[in-house]
Amino acid sequence: MTLASSAAVGPPPGMAVRLSSNESPYGPSPAALEAAARALAEAHRYPDDQSLALRTAIAEHEDRPLEQVAVGNGSAAVLMDLVAEVCAGAGEVLTFAHAFVVYRLAARNAGARYLEVATGPGARDARDGYARDVDALLAAVGPDTRLVCVDNPGNPTGAHLTGEQLTALASGLPDEVVLLIDEAYHHYATAQRGYATVAELDLDHPRVVVTRTCSKAHALAGLRVGWVSGPRELVSAVDARRPRFNLTAPAQAAAIASLADHEHLARGVRATLDGRRRLATALRAQGVQLTEGLGNFVTVELGVPAGPVVDAYAAAGVGVRPLAPYGLHEQVRVSVGTEPEVTAFLEASSAILPPPGTPPPGVNAL
């Protein structure tokens, strides 16, 4: 599949309710805003090229040596550099179907082959869809496989591997294959349905790397801060690929402050989980099939092409995300908003998503 990067990013303009980009609607920590403002006063100075204070804060947060942490403009930037380093113009990137689109973009840019392993079907009968099969992923590993990527939980499906499944995956992979676990949404998955982070597991594999971000639960999507942690030699090689001064001083300062504000983070996560349950419960009561998943969004099965449905929501002032770049043409992803935003979405849905078997308004001719 040919994919332009612009096809996969950016919220629709002009939406009063923006539920298309998996942003946190609760805003950054006040301490992060204050720290960014102080740093902005020194905007005539270059930022710390090594992001030493930020990397130190992340290393303490992750309980890792400083040399095992590198930072970038969101986790997408470090993912691009990681794939380029591991594949180096050849080899294969292996992942599950409907995985985070940056893996495909990074493989293309690196000149590597990109291979997806099929998942289970979408949601049916009030059960989440897109189940992932570790044995199928391991069976697809071949002599050219250099990197296995698992977004856990996944975007845009919300599907996840349990701690037991991750342990089996790591122990079954050859030592020379790098295993990337992308934990961008881990705050929303903790202590649910057997989920476990890499830090909580004793994975039996020498080349496990983890990416995380401040764009989701930390609500700093506009400042672009992400990181990769893992074996020192590999992290150092990834870091060597980044542009100099890759993180602005306000971004570094805000991220440091946000990592320290545990109460603000916890409040946002609790509110998001409440909103996710409310979305899933209300839509299922309407007869809509969806995957609640473990992210800050739900994935809705439409049963009709998504384009006219997305347009109908836009006409109601609500932005939702079509998923064609992920090979999902009859689904939309809906981020969790504030209580009023969830209310606005559900009110629009009562007209746009009628009972199963009835075409939504505006799509009768399909």
Foldseek 3Di string as FASTA:
>chain_A
DDDDPVVPDDFDPDFPFTFAHQFQQPAADPQLVVQLVVLVVVVVDFDDQQLQVLLVLVCVVLVHDSLQKAKFQALLLLLLLLLLVQQVQEFEEEEAFLADLSNVVSCVVNNYHYYHFYFFDAFDPLAGGREDDLVRRLVPDDPRAAEYEDEALGPPRLYHDALVSVQVNLVSDPQRHAYEYEDAFVLLFPPPDRHDDPSVDDRDHQHYKYKYGCRHLNRPNVQGMIMMGHDSVSRVSSNVPDDGSRGGSSSSRSSSSSSVCVPSSVVSSVQLNVQLVVLSVLCVVQVWGWHSHRGQKIKTAQVDFCVVLQVLVVVLSYHWHARVSSVDGRIIITGRHGPVSSVSVSVSCCQQRHHPPDHHPPVVVD
